[in-house]
Amino acid sequence: QVQLVESGGGLVQAGGSLRLSCAASGRTFSIYAMGWFRQAPGKERELVARIRWSDGDTYYVNSVRGRFTISGDNAKNTVYLQMNSLKPEDTAVYYCASRPGEGAYNVWGQGTQVTVSS
């Protein structure tokens, strides 16, 4: 089993920055990729960014590309999401997730609230 714990959410003004962290524990050797998702009220959960553990390959949804950066620290089994130039539309609960292969994400963190005020 893998367990994920997020931290780093909060309230920030538009244009500000936040860094989210997600610490993995347990069978971390089974992790193939980790991603950050977000869900705003009344909206579906969306994948924001993803990093593949083996080679560091990354993916970003168009709305955050150039503003957000996902990175990982293998030694700490931790993945980060650096969020810059935040906009009110970035307000959501952000979730960290992992998957053991190319299939679905199967382990989820508890979520952390990010609120961007205008």
PDB file of N, CA and C in Angstrom:
ATOM      1  N   GLN A   1       0.818  -1.201   0.000  1.00  0.00           N
ATOM      2  CA  GLN A   1       0.000   0.000   0.000  1.00  0.00           C
ATOM      3  C   GLN A   1       0.857   1.258   0.000  1.00  0.00           C
ATOM      4  N   VAL A   2       0.389   2.260  -0.710  1.00  0.00           N
ATOM      5  CA  VAL A   2       1.023   3.577  -0.722  1.00  0.00           C
ATOM      6  C   VAL A   2       0.094   4.547  -0.005  1.00  0.00           C
ATOM      7  N   GLN A   3       0.663   5.406   0.784  1.00  0.00           N
ATOM      8  CA  GLN A   3      -0.098   6.473   1.425  1.00  0.00           C
ATOM      9  C   GLN A   3       0.473   7.814   0.967  1.00  0.00           C
ATOM     10  N   LEU A   4      -0.431   8.776   0.765  1.00  0.00           N
ATOM     11  CA  LEU A   4      -0.041  10.100   0.295  1.00  0.00           C
ATOM     12  C   LEU A   4      -0.591  11.157   1.240  1.00  0.00           C
ATOM     13  N   VAL A   5       0.254  12.109   1.595  1.00  0.00           N
ATOM     14  CA  VAL A   5      -0.167  13.198   2.479  1.00  0.00           C
ATOM     15  C   VAL A   5       0.249  14.516   1.851  1.00  0.00           C
ATOM     16  N   GLU A   6      -0.748  15.366   1.588  1.00  0.00           N
ATOM     17  CA  GLU A   6      -0.476  16.676   0.986  1.00  0.00           C
ATOM     18  C   GLU A   6      -0.322  17.742   2.071  1.00  0.00           C
ATOM     19  N   SER A   7       0.380  18.797   1.703  1.00  0.00           N
ATOM     20  CA  SER A   7       0.478  19.971   2.561  1.00  0.00           C
ATOM     21  C   SER A   7       0.785  21.174   1.683  1.00  0.00           C
ATOM     22  N   GLY A   8       0.586  22.360   2.253  1.00  0.00           N
ATOM     23  CA  GLY A   8       1.002  23.574   1.568  1.00  0.00           C
ATOM     24  C   GLY A   8      -0.103  24.429   1.001  1.00  0.00           C
ATOM     25  N   GLY A   9      -1.347  24.023   1.118  1.00  0.00           N
ATOM     26  CA  GLY A   9      -2.427  24.862   0.616  1.00  0.00           C
ATOM     27  C   GLY A   9      -2.617  26.092   1.480  1.00  0.00           C
ATOM     28  N   GLY A  10      -3.520  26.960   1.045  1.00  0.00           N
ATOM     29  CA  GLY A  10      -3.810  28.156   1.818  1.00  0.00           C
ATOM     30  C   GLY A  10      -4.494  29.214   0.998  1.00  0.00           C
ATOM     31  N   LEU A  11      -4.509  30.426   1.554  1.00  0.00           N
ATOM     32  CA  LEU A  11      -5.133  31.572   0.914  1.00  0.00           C
ATOM     33  C   LEU A  11      -4.048  32.505   0.405  1.00  0.00           C
ATOM     34  N   VAL A  12      -4.176  32.927  -0.839  1.00  0.00           N
ATOM     35  CA  VAL A  12      -3.182  33.819  -1.444  1.00  0.00           C
ATOM     36  C   VAL A  12      -3.895  34.791  -2.371  1.00  0.00           C
ATOM     37  N   GLN A  13      -3.310  35.954  -2.542  1.00  0.00           N
ATOM     38  CA  GLN A  13      -3.876  36.928  -3.474  1.00  0.00           C
ATOM     39  C   GLN A  13      -3.501  36.579  -4.904  1.00  0.00           C
ATOM     40  N   ALA A  14      -4.319  37.018  -5.816  1.00  0.00           N
ATOM     41  CA  ALA A  14      -4.031  36.805  -7.229  1.00  0.00           C
ATOM     42  C   ALA A  14      -2.642  37.338  -7.561  1.00  0.00           C
ATOM     43  N   GLY A  15      -1.912  36.560  -8.336  1.00  0.00           N
ATOM     44  CA  GLY A  15      -0.545  36.916  -8.676  1.00  0.00           C
ATOM     45  C   GLY A  15       0.486  36.319  -7.737  1.00  0.00           C
ATOM     46  N   GLY A  16       0.022  35.775  -6.637  1.00  0.00           N
ATOM     47  CA  GLY A  16       0.923  35.197  -5.658  1.00  0.00           C
ATOM     48  C   GLY A  16       1.328  33.772  -5.991  1.00  0.00           C
ATOM     49  N   SER A  17       2.052  33.156  -5.058  1.00  0.00           N
ATOM     50  CA  SER A  17       2.588  31.809  -5.258  1.00  0.00           C
ATOM     51  C   SER A  17       2.310  30.932  -4.049  1.00  0.00           C
ATOM     52  N   LEU A  18       2.225  29.653  -4.315  1.00  0.00           N
ATOM     53  CA  LEU A  18       2.132  28.632  -3.278  1.00  0.00           C
ATOM     54  C   LEU A  18       2.893  27.407  -3.759  1.00  0.00           C
ATOM     55  N   ARG A  19       3.397  26.640  -2.824  1.00  0.00           N
ATOM     56  CA  ARG A  19       4.005  25.355  -3.178  1.00  0.00           C
ATOM     57  C   ARG A  19       3.314  24.259  -2.386  1.00  0.00           C
ATOM     58  N   LEU A  20       2.793  23.293  -3.131  1.00  0.00           N
ATOM     59  CA  LEU A  20       2.180  22.129  -2.518  1.00  0.00           C
ATOM     60  C   LEU A  20       3.199  20.995  -2.448  1.00  0.00           C
ATOM     61  N   SER A  21       3.102  20.204  -1.393  1.00  0.00           N
ATOM     62  CA  SER A  21       3.964  19.037  -1.241  1.00  0.00           C
ATOM     63  C   SER A  21       3.100  17.804  -1.055  1.00  0.00           C
ATOM     64  N   CYS A  22       3.607  16.685  -1.520  1.00  0.00           N
ATOM     65  CA  CYS A  22       2.916  15.412  -1.345  1.00  0.00           C
ATOM     66  C   CYS A  22       3.958  14.365  -0.990  1.00  0.00           C
ATOM     67  N   ALA A  23       3.881  13.882   0.235  1.00  0.00           N
ATOM     68  CA  ALA A  23       4.829  12.890   0.720  1.00  0.00           C
ATOM     69  C   ALA A  23       4.221  11.502   0.594  1.00  0.00           C
ATOM     70  N   ALA A  24       4.942  10.620  -0.051  1.00  0.00           N
ATOM     71  CA  ALA A  24       4.505   9.242  -0.215  1.00  0.00           C
ATOM     72  C   ALA A  24       5.213   8.345   0.783  1.00  0.00           C
ATOM     73  N   SER A  25       4.489   7.360   1.284  1.00  0.00           N
ATOM     74  CA  SER A  25       5.083   6.382   2.189  1.00  0.00           C
ATOM     75  C   SER A  25       4.510   5.019   1.856  1.00  0.00           C
ATOM     76  N   GLY A  26       5.088   3.985   2.452  1.00  0.00           N
ATOM     77  CA  GLY A  26       4.646   2.633   2.180  1.00  0.00           C
ATOM     78  C   GLY A  26       5.408   2.033   1.003  1.00  0.00           C
ATOM     79  N   ARG A  27       4.717   1.369   0.098  1.00  0.00           N
ATOM     80  CA  ARG A  27       5.335   0.687  -1.036  1.00  0.00           C
ATOM     81  C   ARG A  27       5.641   1.679  -2.158  1.00  0.00           C
ATOM     82  N   THR A  28       6.495   2.625  -1.869  1.00  0.00           N
ATOM     83  CA  THR A  28       6.771   3.693  -2.830  1.00  0.00           C
ATOM     84  C   THR A  28       7.487   3.193  -4.071  1.00  0.00           C
ATOM     85  N   PHE A  29       8.143   2.035  -3.984  1.00  0.00           N
ATOM     86  CA  PHE A  29       8.833   1.484  -5.151  1.00  0.00           C
ATOM     87  C   PHE A  29       7.839   1.119  -6.255  1.00  0.00           C
ATOM     88  N   SER A  30       6.571   0.978  -5.905  1.00  0.00           N
ATOM     89  CA  SER A  30       5.558   0.599  -6.884  1.00  0.00           C
ATOM     90  C   SER A  30       4.994   1.781  -7.659  1.00  0.00           C
ATOM     91  N   ILE A  31       5.418   2.988  -7.288  1.00  0.00           N
ATOM     92  CA  ILE A  31       4.870   4.179  -7.937  1.00  0.00           C
ATOM     93  C   ILE A  31       5.517   4.387  -9.301  1.00  0.00           C
ATOM     94  N   TYR A  32       4.680   4.519 -10.322  1.00  0.00           N
ATOM     95  CA  TYR A  32       5.147   4.779 -11.688  1.00  0.00           C
ATOM     96  C   TYR A  32       5.068   6.266 -12.018  1.00  0.00           C
ATOM     97  N   ALA A  33       4.009   6.887 -11.580  1.00  0.00           N
ATOM     98  CA  ALA A  33       3.820   8.317 -11.837  1.00  0.00           C
ATOM     99  C   ALA A  33       2.985   8.918 -10.720  1.00  0.00           C
ATOM    100  N   MET A  34       3.156  10.209 -10.530  1.00  0.00           N
ATOM    101  CA  MET A  34       2.349  10.941  -9.560  1.00  0.00           C
ATOM    102  C   MET A  34       1.769  12.167 -10.221  1.00  0.00           C
ATOM    103  N   GLY A  35       0.586  12.516  -9.796  1.00  0.00           N
ATOM    104  CA  GLY A  35      -0.068  13.668 -10.401  1.00  0.00           C
ATOM    105  C   GLY A  35      -0.744  14.537  -9.368  1.00  0.00           C
ATOM    106  N   TRP A  36      -0.976  15.767  -9.781  1.00  0.00           N
ATOM    107  CA  TRP A  36      -1.782  16.701  -9.001  1.00  0.00           C
ATOM    108  C   TRP A  36      -3.081  16.953  -9.759  1.00  0.00           C
ATOM    109  N   PHE A  37      -4.160  16.758  -9.053  1.00  0.00           N
ATOM    110  CA  PHE A  37      -5.492  17.026  -9.578  1.00  0.00           C
ATOM    111  C   PHE A  37      -6.095  18.188  -8.789  1.00  0.00           C
ATOM    112  N   ARG A  38      -7.149  18.773  -9.337  1.00  0.00           N
ATOM    113  CA  ARG A  38      -7.888  19.773  -8.577  1.00  0.00           C
ATOM    114  C   ARG A  38      -9.375  19.657  -8.899  1.00  0.00           C
ATOM    115  N   GLN A  39     -10.167  20.060  -7.924  1.00  0.00           N
ATOM    116  CA  GLN A  39     -11.603  20.060  -8.113  1.00  0.00           C
ATOM    117  C   GLN A  39     -12.185  21.327  -7.495  1.00  0.00           C
ATOM    118  N   ALA A  40     -12.769  22.146  -8.343  1.00  0.00           N
ATOM    119  CA  ALA A  40     -13.435  23.360  -7.902  1.00  0.00           C
ATOM    120  C   ALA A  40     -14.911  23.058  -7.667  1.00  0.00           C
ATOM    121  N   PRO A  41     -15.577  23.851  -6.844  1.00  0.00           N
ATOM    122  CA  PRO A  41     -17.005  23.608  -6.584  1.00  0.00           C
ATOM    123  C   PRO A  41     -17.818  23.570  -7.871  1.00  0.00           C
ATOM    124  N   GLY A  42     -18.613  22.515  -8.015  1.00  0.00           N
ATOM    125  CA  GLY A  42     -19.464  22.381  -9.181  1.00  0.00           C
ATOM    126  C   GLY A  42     -18.773  21.934 -10.441  1.00  0.00           C
ATOM    127  N   LYS A  43     -17.493  21.619 -10.337  1.00  0.00           N
ATOM    128  CA  LYS A  43     -16.735  21.191 -11.518  1.00  0.00           C
ATOM    129  C   LYS A  43     -16.167  19.798 -11.311  1.00  0.00           C
ATOM    130  N   GLU A  44     -15.823  19.173 -12.421  1.00  0.00           N
ATOM    131  CA  GLU A  44     -15.225  17.851 -12.348  1.00  0.00           C
ATOM    132  C   GLU A  44     -13.754  17.959 -11.940  1.00  0.00           C
ATOM    133  N   ARG A  45     -13.264  16.897 -11.357  1.00  0.00           N
ATOM    134  CA  ARG A  45     -11.854  16.844 -11.009  1.00  0.00           C
ATOM    135  C   ARG A  45     -11.038  16.794 -12.295  1.00  0.00           C
ATOM    136  N   GLU A  46      -9.957  17.578 -12.346  1.00  0.00           N
ATOM    137  CA  GLU A  46      -9.110  17.579 -13.530  1.00  0.00           C
ATOM    138  C   GLU A  46      -7.652  17.361 -13.155  1.00  0.00           C
ATOM    139  N   LEU A  47      -6.942  16.709 -14.063  1.00  0.00           N
ATOM    140  CA  LEU A  47      -5.506  16.525 -13.892  1.00  0.00           C
ATOM    141  C   LEU A  47      -4.810  17.838 -14.225  1.00  0.00           C
ATOM    142  N   VAL A  48      -4.027  18.332 -13.293  1.00  0.00           N
ATOM    143  CA  VAL A  48      -3.315  19.594 -13.474  1.00  0.00           C
ATOM    144  C   VAL A  48      -1.898  19.359 -13.988  1.00  0.00           C
ATOM    145  N   ALA A  49      -1.207  18.408 -13.382  1.00  0.00           N
ATOM    146  CA  ALA A  49       0.175  18.127 -13.758  1.00  0.00           C
ATOM    147  C   ALA A  49       0.515  16.704 -13.344  1.00  0.00           C
ATOM    148  N   ARG A  50       1.498  16.131 -14.061  1.00  0.00           N
ATOM    149  CA  ARG A  50       1.895  14.762 -13.800  1.00  0.00           C
ATOM    150  C   ARG A  50       3.377  14.644 -14.002  1.00  0.00           C
ATOM    151  N   ILE A  51       4.034  13.812 -13.181  1.00  0.00           N
ATOM    152  CA  ILE A  51       5.445  13.518 -13.363  1.00  0.00           C
ATOM    153  C   ILE A  51       5.639  12.009 -13.337  1.00  0.00           C
ATOM    154  N   ARG A  52       6.409  11.532 -14.299  1.00  0.00           N
ATOM    155  CA  ARG A  52       6.723  10.108 -14.365  1.00  0.00           C
ATOM    156  C   ARG A  52       8.005   9.887 -13.577  1.00  0.00           C
ATOM    157  N   TRP A  53       7.944   8.985 -12.642  1.00  0.00           N
ATOM    158  CA  TRP A  53       9.035   8.821 -11.683  1.00  0.00           C
ATOM    159  C   TRP A  53      10.326   8.344 -12.343  1.00  0.00           C
ATOM    160  N   SER A  54      10.212   7.497 -13.364  1.00  0.00           N
ATOM    161  CA  SER A  54      11.404   6.853 -13.939  1.00  0.00           C
ATOM    162  C   SER A  54      12.304   7.836 -14.676  1.00  0.00           C
ATOM    163  N   ASP A  55      11.704   8.779 -15.401  1.00  0.00           N
ATOM    164  CA  ASP A  55      12.521   9.672 -16.219  1.00  0.00           C
ATOM    165  C   ASP A  55      12.218  11.148 -16.026  1.00  0.00           C
ATOM    166  N   GLY A  56      11.307  11.456 -15.107  1.00  0.00           N
ATOM    167  CA  GLY A  56      11.001  12.852 -14.839  1.00  0.00           C
ATOM    168  C   GLY A  56      10.130  13.526 -15.872  1.00  0.00           C
ATOM    169  N   ASP A  57       9.602  12.747 -16.816  1.00  0.00           N
ATOM    170  CA  ASP A  57       8.734  13.336 -17.836  1.00  0.00           C
ATOM    171  C   ASP A  57       7.530  13.997 -17.175  1.00  0.00           C
ATOM    172  N   THR A  58       7.161  15.176 -17.669  1.00  0.00           N
ATOM    173  CA  THR A  58       6.066  15.923 -17.070  1.00  0.00           C
ATOM    174  C   THR A  58       4.972  16.240 -18.078  1.00  0.00           C
ATOM    175  N   TYR A  59       3.790  16.486 -17.540  1.00  0.00           N
ATOM    176  CA  TYR A  59       2.637  16.907 -18.325  1.00  0.00           C
ATOM    177  C   TYR A  59       1.928  18.005 -17.547  1.00  0.00           C
ATOM    178  N   TYR A  60       1.393  18.994 -18.291  1.00  0.00           N
ATOM    179  CA  TYR A  60       0.606  20.058 -17.681  1.00  0.00           C
ATOM    180  C   TYR A  60      -0.659  20.303 -18.495  1.00  0.00           C
ATOM    181  N   VAL A  61      -1.743  20.563 -17.813  1.00  0.00           N
ATOM    182  CA  VAL A  61      -2.945  21.007 -18.516  1.00  0.00           C
ATOM    183  C   VAL A  61      -2.674  22.415 -19.045  1.00  0.00           C
ATOM    184  N   ASN A  62      -3.276  22.758 -20.147  1.00  0.00           N
ATOM    185  CA  ASN A  62      -2.973  24.024 -20.813  1.00  0.00           C
ATOM    186  C   ASN A  62      -3.150  25.242 -19.908  1.00  0.00           C
ATOM    187  N   SER A  63      -4.138  25.192 -19.050  1.00  0.00           N
ATOM    188  CA  SER A  63      -4.466  26.375 -18.249  1.00  0.00           C
ATOM    189  C   SER A  63      -3.396  26.729 -17.216  1.00  0.00           C
ATOM    190  N   VAL A  64      -2.476  25.812 -16.926  1.00  0.00           N
ATOM    191  CA  VAL A  64      -1.441  26.096 -15.924  1.00  0.00           C
ATOM    192  C   VAL A  64      -0.034  26.078 -16.511  1.00  0.00           C
ATOM    193  N   ARG A  65       0.078  25.669 -17.771  1.00  0.00           N
ATOM    194  CA  ARG A  65       1.417  25.552 -18.374  1.00  0.00           C
ATOM    195  C   ARG A  65       2.098  26.923 -18.367  1.00  0.00           C
ATOM    196  N   GLY A  66       3.343  26.947 -17.885  1.00  0.00           N
ATOM    197  CA  GLY A  66       4.089  28.191 -17.784  1.00  0.00           C
ATOM    198  C   GLY A  66       3.943  28.877 -16.435  1.00  0.00           C
ATOM    199  N   ARG A  67       2.969  28.459 -15.647  1.00  0.00           N
ATOM    200  CA  ARG A  67       2.765  29.045 -14.315  1.00  0.00           C
ATOM    201  C   ARG A  67       3.061  28.041 -13.205  1.00  0.00           C
ATOM    202  N   PHE A  68       2.737  26.769 -13.437  1.00  0.00           N
ATOM    203  CA  PHE A  68       2.936  25.719 -12.442  1.00  0.00           C
ATOM    204  C   PHE A  68       4.112  24.844 -12.849  1.00  0.00           C
ATOM    205  N   THR A  69       4.816  24.325 -11.859  1.00  0.00           N
ATOM    206  CA  THR A  69       5.910  23.389 -12.107  1.00  0.00           C
ATOM    207  C   THR A  69       5.798  22.215 -11.148  1.00  0.00           C
ATOM    208  N   ILE A  70       5.777  21.012 -11.714  1.00  0.00           N
ATOM    209  CA  ILE A  70       5.770  19.801 -10.892  1.00  0.00           C
ATOM    210  C   ILE A  70       7.184  19.254 -10.844  1.00  0.00           C
ATOM    211  N   SER A  71       7.592  18.805  -9.680  1.00  0.00           N
ATOM    212  CA  SER A  71       8.933  18.231  -9.522  1.00  0.00           C
ATOM    213  C   SER A  71       8.880  17.148  -8.452  1.00  0.00           C
ATOM    214  N   GLY A  72       9.902  16.317  -8.459  1.00  0.00           N
ATOM    215  CA  GLY A  72       9.931  15.224  -7.506  1.00  0.00           C
ATOM    216  C   GLY A  72      11.287  15.063  -6.865  1.00  0.00           C
ATOM    217  N   ASP A  73      11.295  14.601  -5.651  1.00  0.00           N
ATOM    218  CA  ASP A  73      12.516  14.288  -4.917  1.00  0.00           C
ATOM    219  C   ASP A  73      12.441  12.813  -4.567  1.00  0.00           C
ATOM    220  N   ASN A  74      13.166  12.004  -5.347  1.00  0.00           N
ATOM    221  CA  ASN A  74      13.095  10.556  -5.136  1.00  0.00           C
ATOM    222  C   ASN A  74      13.558  10.159  -3.749  1.00  0.00           C
ATOM    223  N   ALA A  75      14.592  10.812  -3.259  1.00  0.00           N
ATOM    224  CA  ALA A  75      15.148  10.449  -1.958  1.00  0.00           C
ATOM    225  C   ALA A  75      14.142  10.666  -0.838  1.00  0.00           C
ATOM    226  N   LYS A  76      13.289  11.667  -0.994  1.00  0.00           N
ATOM    227  CA  LYS A  76      12.285  11.975   0.015  1.00  0.00           C
ATOM    228  C   LYS A  76      10.923  11.415  -0.332  1.00  0.00           C
ATOM    229  N   ASN A  77      10.819  10.762  -1.499  1.00  0.00           N
ATOM    230  CA  ASN A  77       9.512  10.251  -1.956  1.00  0.00           C
ATOM    231  C   ASN A  77       8.450  11.337  -1.903  1.00  0.00           C
ATOM    232  N   THR A  78       8.824  12.497  -2.374  1.00  0.00           N
ATOM    233  CA  THR A  78       7.948  13.653  -2.299  1.00  0.00           C
ATOM    234  C   THR A  78       7.834  14.305  -3.666  1.00  0.00           C
ATOM    235  N   VAL A  79       6.626  14.725  -4.001  1.00  0.00           N
ATOM    236  CA  VAL A  79       6.403  15.467  -5.230  1.00  0.00           C
ATOM    237  C   VAL A  79       5.871  16.850  -4.849  1.00  0.00           C
ATOM    238  N   TYR A  80       6.279  17.849  -5.625  1.00  0.00           N
ATOM    239  CA  TYR A  80       5.925  19.226  -5.342  1.00  0.00           C
ATOM    240  C   TYR A  80       5.149  19.818  -6.523  1.00  0.00           C
ATOM    241  N   LEU A  81       4.328  20.802  -6.204  1.00  0.00           N
ATOM    242  CA  LEU A  81       3.693  21.592  -7.246  1.00  0.00           C
ATOM    243  C   LEU A  81       3.915  23.060  -6.891  1.00  0.00           C
ATOM    244  N   GLN A  82       4.822  23.692  -7.625  1.00  0.00           N
ATOM    245  CA  GLN A  82       5.070  25.111  -7.440  1.00  0.00           C
ATOM    246  C   GLN A  82       4.080  25.873  -8.306  1.00  0.00           C
ATOM    247  N   MET A  83       3.293  26.709  -7.674  1.00  0.00           N
ATOM    248  CA  MET A  83       2.240  27.440  -8.381  1.00  0.00           C
ATOM    249  C   MET A  83       2.529  28.932  -8.309  1.00  0.00           C
ATOM    250  N   ASN A  84       2.803  29.528  -9.466  1.00  0.00           N
ATOM    251  CA  ASN A  84       3.098  30.949  -9.554  1.00  0.00           C
ATOM    252  C   ASN A  84       2.006  31.666 -10.343  1.00  0.00           C
ATOM    253  N   SER A  85       1.976  32.972 -10.221  1.00  0.00           N
ATOM    254  CA  SER A  85       1.000  33.793 -10.950  1.00  0.00           C
ATOM    255  C   SER A  85      -0.411  33.231 -10.792  1.00  0.00           C
ATOM    256  N   LEU A  86      -0.757  32.937  -9.565  1.00  0.00           N
ATOM    257  CA  LEU A  86      -2.053  32.303  -9.299  1.00  0.00           C
ATOM    258  C   LEU A  86      -3.205  33.230  -9.666  1.00  0.00           C
ATOM    259  N   LYS A  87      -4.271  32.604 -10.129  1.00  0.00           N
ATOM    260  CA  LYS A  87      -5.480  33.311 -10.550  1.00  0.00           C
ATOM    261  C   LYS A  87      -6.670  32.826  -9.718  1.00  0.00           C
ATOM    262  N   PRO A  88      -7.694  33.643  -9.588  1.00  0.00           N
ATOM    263  CA  PRO A  88      -8.873  33.180  -8.842  1.00  0.00           C
ATOM    264  C   PRO A  88      -9.440  31.867  -9.370  1.00  0.00           C
ATOM    265  N   GLU A  89      -9.320  31.632 -10.667  1.00  0.00           N
ATOM    266  CA  GLU A  89      -9.837  30.381 -11.229  1.00  0.00           C
ATOM    267  C   GLU A  89      -9.006  29.166 -10.863  1.00  0.00           C
ATOM    268  N   ASP A  90      -7.877  29.377 -10.197  1.00  0.00           N
ATOM    269  CA  ASP A  90      -7.094  28.248  -9.682  1.00  0.00           C
ATOM    270  C   ASP A  90      -7.637  27.761  -8.339  1.00  0.00           C
ATOM    271  N   THR A  91      -8.591  28.473  -7.776  1.00  0.00           N
ATOM    272  CA  THR A  91      -9.170  28.078  -6.495  1.00  0.00           C
ATOM    273  C   THR A  91      -9.830  26.708  -6.620  1.00  0.00           C
ATOM    274  N   ALA A  92      -9.432  25.794  -5.733  1.00  0.00           N
ATOM    275  CA  ALA A  92      -9.934  24.423  -5.777  1.00  0.00           C
ATOM    276  C   ALA A  92      -9.328  23.639  -4.622  1.00  0.00           C
ATOM    277  N   VAL A  93      -9.834  22.437  -4.434  1.00  0.00           N
ATOM    278  CA  VAL A  93      -9.144  21.478  -3.582  1.00  0.00           C
ATOM    279  C   VAL A  93      -8.175  20.720  -4.476  1.00  0.00           C
ATOM    280  N   TYR A  94      -6.927  20.685  -4.073  1.00  0.00           N
ATOM    281  CA  TYR A  94      -5.891  20.017  -4.842  1.00  0.00           C
ATOM    282  C   TYR A  94      -5.573  18.665  -4.204  1.00  0.00           C
ATOM    283  N   TYR A  95      -5.533  17.653  -5.053  1.00  0.00           N
ATOM    284  CA  TYR A  95      -5.275  16.294  -4.609  1.00  0.00           C
ATOM    285  C   TYR A  95      -4.008  15.753  -5.270  1.00  0.00           C
ATOM    286  N   CYS A  96      -3.239  15.054  -4.497  1.00  0.00           N
ATOM    287  CA  CYS A  96      -2.108  14.309  -5.007  1.00  0.00           C
ATOM    288  C   CYS A  96      -2.571  12.867  -5.242  1.00  0.00           C
ATOM    289  N   ALA A  97      -2.052  12.240  -6.292  1.00  0.00           N
ATOM    290  CA  ALA A  97      -2.433  10.869  -6.592  1.00  0.00           C
ATOM    291  C   ALA A  97      -1.253  10.136  -7.210  1.00  0.00           C
ATOM    292  N   SER A  98      -1.269   8.824  -7.100  1.00  0.00           N
ATOM    293  CA  SER A  98      -0.210   8.012  -7.701  1.00  0.00           C
ATOM    294  C   SER A  98      -0.827   6.846  -8.459  1.00  0.00           C
ATOM    295  N   ARG A  99      -0.037   6.346  -9.422  1.00  0.00           N
ATOM    296  CA  ARG A  99      -0.475   5.152 -10.138  1.00  0.00           C
ATOM    297  C   ARG A  99       0.703   4.224 -10.349  1.00  0.00           C
ATOM    298  N   PRO A 100       0.441   2.910 -10.399  1.00  0.00           N
ATOM    299  CA  PRO A 100       1.534   1.934 -10.494  1.00  0.00           C
ATOM    300  C   PRO A 100       1.963   1.626 -11.920  1.00  0.00           C
ATOM    301  N   GLY A 101       1.244   2.146 -12.900  1.00  0.00           N
ATOM    302  CA  GLY A 101       1.577   1.896 -14.298  1.00  0.00           C
ATOM    303  C   GLY A 101       0.893   2.927 -15.159  1.00  0.00           C
ATOM    304  N   GLU A 102       0.608   2.539 -16.410  1.00  0.00           N
ATOM    305  CA  GLU A 102      -0.026   3.471 -17.336  1.00  0.00           C
ATOM    306  C   GLU A 102      -1.532   3.559 -17.127  1.00  0.00           C
ATOM    307  N   GLY A 103      -2.062   2.807 -16.207  1.00  0.00           N
ATOM    308  CA  GLY A 103      -3.496   2.802 -15.965  1.00  0.00           C
ATOM    309  C   GLY A 103      -3.944   3.935 -15.082  1.00  0.00           C
ATOM    310  N   ALA A 104      -5.021   3.680 -14.362  1.00  0.00           N
ATOM    311  CA  ALA A 104      -5.647   4.726 -13.550  1.00  0.00           C
ATOM    312  C   ALA A 104      -4.852   5.014 -12.276  1.00  0.00           C
ATOM    313  N   TYR A 105      -5.030   6.259 -11.795  1.00  0.00           N
ATOM    314  CA  TYR A 105      -4.484   6.599 -10.487  1.00  0.00           C
ATOM    315  C   TYR A 105      -5.294   5.832  -9.443  1.00  0.00           C
ATOM    316  N   ASN A 106      -4.608   5.171  -8.531  1.00  0.00           N
ATOM    317  CA  ASN A 106      -5.335   4.318  -7.598  1.00  0.00           C
ATOM    318  C   ASN A 106      -5.107   4.669  -6.131  1.00  0.00           C
ATOM    319  N   VAL A 107      -4.268   5.632  -5.868  1.00  0.00           N
ATOM    320  CA  VAL A 107      -4.044   6.085  -4.489  1.00  0.00           C
ATOM    321  C   VAL A 107      -4.183   7.603  -4.473  1.00  0.00           C
ATOM    322  N   TRP A 108      -4.935   8.108  -3.506  1.00  0.00           N
ATOM    323  CA  TRP A 108      -5.228   9.534  -3.431  1.00  0.00           C
ATOM    324  C   TRP A 108      -4.914  10.079  -2.044  1.00  0.00           C
ATOM    325  N   GLY A 109      -4.454  11.319  -2.027  1.00  0.00           N
ATOM    326  CA  GLY A 109      -4.295  12.003  -0.763  1.00  0.00           C
ATOM    327  C   GLY A 109      -5.621  12.585  -0.310  1.00  0.00           C
ATOM    328  N   GLN A 110      -5.582  13.250   0.824  1.00  0.00           N
ATOM    329  CA  GLN A 110      -6.808  13.763   1.434  1.00  0.00           C
ATOM    330  C   GLN A 110      -7.238  15.102   0.839  1.00  0.00           C
ATOM    331  N   GLY A 111      -6.366  15.762   0.118  1.00  0.00           N
ATOM    332  CA  GLY A 111      -6.695  17.043  -0.499  1.00  0.00           C
ATOM    333  C   GLY A 111      -6.274  18.215   0.353  1.00  0.00           C
ATOM    334  N   THR A 112      -5.945  19.309  -0.306  1.00  0.00           N
ATOM    335  CA  THR A 112      -5.593  20.539   0.391  1.00  0.00           C
ATOM    336  C   THR A 112      -6.234  21.710  -0.364  1.00  0.00           C
ATOM    337  N   GLN A 113      -6.820  22.620   0.395  1.00  0.00           N
ATOM    338  CA  GLN A 113      -7.554  23.735  -0.198  1.00  0.00           C
ATOM    339  C   GLN A 113      -6.599  24.841  -0.633  1.00  0.00           C
ATOM    340  N   VAL A 114      -6.789  25.306  -1.854  1.00  0.00           N
ATOM    341  CA  VAL A 114      -6.082  26.480  -2.370  1.00  0.00           C
ATOM    342  C   VAL A 114      -7.136  27.512  -2.745  1.00  0.00           C
ATOM    343  N   THR A 115      -7.030  28.692  -2.140  1.00  0.00           N
ATOM    344  CA  THR A 115      -7.975  29.763  -2.424  1.00  0.00           C
ATOM    345  C   THR A 115      -7.207  30.989  -2.890  1.00  0.00           C
ATOM    346  N   VAL A 116      -7.564  31.497  -4.061  1.00  0.00           N
ATOM    347  CA  VAL A 116      -6.902  32.667  -4.628  1.00  0.00           C
ATOM    348  C   VAL A 116      -7.918  33.799  -4.671  1.00  0.00           C
ATOM    349  N   SER A 117      -7.617  34.861  -3.939  1.00  0.00           N
ATOM    350  CA  SER A 117      -8.534  35.996  -3.892  1.00  0.00           C
ATOM    351  C   SER A 117      -8.171  37.028  -4.953  1.00  0.00           C
ATOM    352  N   SER A 118      -9.190  37.704  -5.450  1.00  0.00           N
ATOM    353  CA  SER A 118      -8.956  38.699  -6.510  1.00  0.00           C
ATOM    354  C   SER A 118      -8.683  40.076  -5.929  1.00  0.00           C
TER     355      SER A 118
END
